[in-house]
Amino acid sequence: VAWNCIDLDALPTAEERKKISREVEMLQQLNHKHILRIRDHWENPQTNQLCFITDILQGGSLREYIRQRKVNLGRVKSWCLQIL
């Protein structure tokens, strides 16, 4: 598993902080082979961070994948649209 944290102070508005919390909650409920699974999440009031535990991806990051292969810009744009 991997431990991740989001600095809530870095988000510009309270609405953005609520959005990111809702997104983490939604992702925790998903169970899909192509979506990173969130196992647990919590807010740390001492550091004002949203922390969550995910599975570890063995294939590396998307950035590494793109750098290691010849991927054209159109494909990268397509992936970015899917992510957003």
C-alpha atoms as a PDB file:
ATOM      1  CA  VAL A   1       0.000   0.000   0.000  1.00  0.00           C
ATOM      2  CA  ALA A   2       0.993   3.653  -0.380  1.00  0.00           C
ATOM      3  CA  TRP A   3       0.324   6.561   1.983  1.00  0.00           C
ATOM      4  CA  ASN A   4      -0.624   9.863   0.307  1.00  0.00           C
ATOM      5  CA  CYS A   5      -1.402  13.291   1.764  1.00  0.00           C
ATOM      6  CA  ILE A   6      -2.908  16.451   0.313  1.00  0.00           C
ATOM      7  CA  ASP A   7      -2.055  19.757   1.977  1.00  0.00           C
ATOM      8  CA  LEU A   8      -5.462  21.348   2.488  1.00  0.00           C
ATOM      9  CA  ASP A   9      -3.873  24.763   3.137  1.00  0.00           C
ATOM     10  CA  ALA A  10      -2.654  24.723  -0.470  1.00  0.00           C
ATOM     11  CA  LEU A  11      -6.225  24.643  -1.786  1.00  0.00           C
ATOM     12  CA  PRO A  12      -7.526  28.162  -2.468  1.00  0.00           C
ATOM     13  CA  THR A  13     -11.062  27.910  -1.032  1.00  0.00           C
ATOM     14  CA  ALA A  14     -13.136  25.963   1.450  1.00  0.00           C
ATOM     15  CA  GLU A  15     -15.227  24.761  -1.493  1.00  0.00           C
ATOM     16  CA  GLU A  16     -12.130  23.231  -3.125  1.00  0.00           C
ATOM     17  CA  ARG A  17     -11.317  21.450   0.151  1.00  0.00           C
ATOM     18  CA  LYS A  18     -14.856  20.023   0.282  1.00  0.00           C
ATOM     19  CA  LYS A  19     -14.610  18.897  -3.362  1.00  0.00           C
ATOM     20  CA  ILE A  20     -11.366  17.009  -2.804  1.00  0.00           C
ATOM     21  CA  SER A  21     -12.791  15.320   0.296  1.00  0.00           C
ATOM     22  CA  ARG A  22     -15.900  14.222  -1.609  1.00  0.00           C
ATOM     23  CA  GLU A  23     -13.776  12.922  -4.461  1.00  0.00           C
ATOM     24  CA  VAL A  24     -11.658  10.807  -2.122  1.00  0.00           C
ATOM     25  CA  GLU A  25     -14.835   9.428  -0.517  1.00  0.00           C
ATOM     26  CA  MET A  26     -16.279   8.540  -3.939  1.00  0.00           C
ATOM     27  CA  LEU A  27     -13.058   6.884  -5.072  1.00  0.00           C
ATOM     28  CA  GLN A  28     -12.968   4.817  -1.890  1.00  0.00           C
ATOM     29  CA  GLN A  29     -16.348   3.343  -2.837  1.00  0.00           C
ATOM     30  CA  LEU A  30     -15.261   2.413  -6.384  1.00  0.00           C
ATOM     31  CA  ASN A  31     -14.023  -1.042  -7.252  1.00  0.00           C
ATOM     32  CA  HIS A  32     -12.696  -1.059 -10.825  1.00  0.00           C
ATOM     33  CA  LYS A  33      -9.600  -2.740 -12.238  1.00  0.00           C
ATOM     34  CA  HIS A  34      -8.484   0.434 -14.069  1.00  0.00           C
ATOM     35  CA  ILE A  35      -8.971   2.897 -11.188  1.00  0.00           C
ATOM     36  CA  LEU A  36      -6.560   3.190  -8.281  1.00  0.00           C
ATOM     37  CA  ARG A  37      -8.262   1.900  -5.155  1.00  0.00           C
ATOM     38  CA  ILE A  38      -8.389   4.063  -2.032  1.00  0.00           C
ATOM     39  CA  ARG A  39      -8.435   1.806   1.014  1.00  0.00           C
ATOM     40  CA  ASP A  40      -8.928   4.395   3.758  1.00  0.00           C
ATOM     41  CA  HIS A  41      -8.817   8.161   4.304  1.00  0.00           C
ATOM     42  CA  TRP A  42      -8.842  10.687   7.141  1.00  0.00           C
ATOM     43  CA  GLU A  43      -8.075  14.311   7.918  1.00  0.00           C
ATOM     44  CA  ASN A  44      -5.136  15.128  10.132  1.00  0.00           C
ATOM     45  CA  PRO A  45      -6.120  18.312  12.023  1.00  0.00           C
ATOM     46  CA  GLN A  46      -2.573  18.844  13.341  1.00  0.00           C
ATOM     47  CA  THR A  47      -1.086  19.173   9.847  1.00  0.00           C
ATOM     48  CA  ASN A  48      -4.314  20.161   8.053  1.00  0.00           C
ATOM     49  CA  GLN A  49      -3.834  17.366   5.547  1.00  0.00           C
ATOM     50  CA  LEU A  50      -6.195  14.892   3.921  1.00  0.00           C
ATOM     51  CA  CYS A  51      -4.433  11.522   4.044  1.00  0.00           C
ATOM     52  CA  PHE A  52      -5.377   8.352   2.219  1.00  0.00           C
ATOM     53  CA  ILE A  53      -4.073   4.841   1.686  1.00  0.00           C
ATOM     54  CA  THR A  54      -4.003   3.398  -1.839  1.00  0.00           C
ATOM     55  CA  ASP A  55      -2.798   0.249  -3.528  1.00  0.00           C
ATOM     56  CA  ILE A  56       0.669   0.499  -5.066  1.00  0.00           C
ATOM     57  CA  LEU A  57       0.849   0.562  -8.850  1.00  0.00           C
ATOM     58  CA  GLN A  58       3.632  -1.691 -10.082  1.00  0.00           C
ATOM     59  CA  GLY A  59       3.978  -0.179 -13.557  1.00  0.00           C
ATOM     60  CA  GLY A  60       5.310   3.206 -12.462  1.00  0.00           C
ATOM     61  CA  SER A  61       3.796   6.613 -13.055  1.00  0.00           C
ATOM     62  CA  LEU A  62       2.080   7.847 -16.194  1.00  0.00           C
ATOM     63  CA  ARG A  63       5.013  10.240 -16.670  1.00  0.00           C
ATOM     64  CA  GLU A  64       7.460   7.309 -16.637  1.00  0.00           C
ATOM     65  CA  TYR A  65       5.282   5.363 -19.085  1.00  0.00           C
ATOM     66  CA  ILE A  66       5.251   8.288 -21.534  1.00  0.00           C
ATOM     67  CA  ARG A  67       9.007   8.845 -21.236  1.00  0.00           C
ATOM     68  CA  GLN A  68       9.838   5.166 -21.797  1.00  0.00           C
ATOM     69  CA  ARG A  69       7.686   4.793 -24.909  1.00  0.00           C
ATOM     70  CA  LYS A  70       7.072   6.819 -28.026  1.00  0.00           C
ATOM     71  CA  VAL A  71       3.656   8.239 -27.196  1.00  0.00           C
ATOM     72  CA  ASN A  72       2.287  10.979 -29.445  1.00  0.00           C
ATOM     73  CA  LEU A  73       0.811  14.195 -28.100  1.00  0.00           C
ATOM     74  CA  GLY A  74      -2.720  13.276 -29.244  1.00  0.00           C
ATOM     75  CA  ARG A  75      -2.660  10.144 -27.090  1.00  0.00           C
ATOM     76  CA  VAL A  76      -1.441  12.106 -24.065  1.00  0.00           C
ATOM     77  CA  LYS A  77      -4.239  14.661 -24.562  1.00  0.00           C
ATOM     78  CA  SER A  78      -6.769  11.827 -24.751  1.00  0.00           C
ATOM     79  CA  TRP A  79      -5.529  10.393 -21.459  1.00  0.00           C
ATOM     80  CA  CYS A  80      -5.612  13.814 -19.793  1.00  0.00           C
ATOM     81  CA  LEU A  81      -9.226  14.314 -20.862  1.00  0.00           C
ATOM     82  CA  GLN A  82     -10.129  10.928 -19.383  1.00  0.00           C
ATOM     83  CA  ILE A  83      -8.375  11.773 -16.113  1.00  0.00           C
ATOM     84  CA  LEU A  84     -10.045  15.159 -15.815  1.00  0.00           C
END
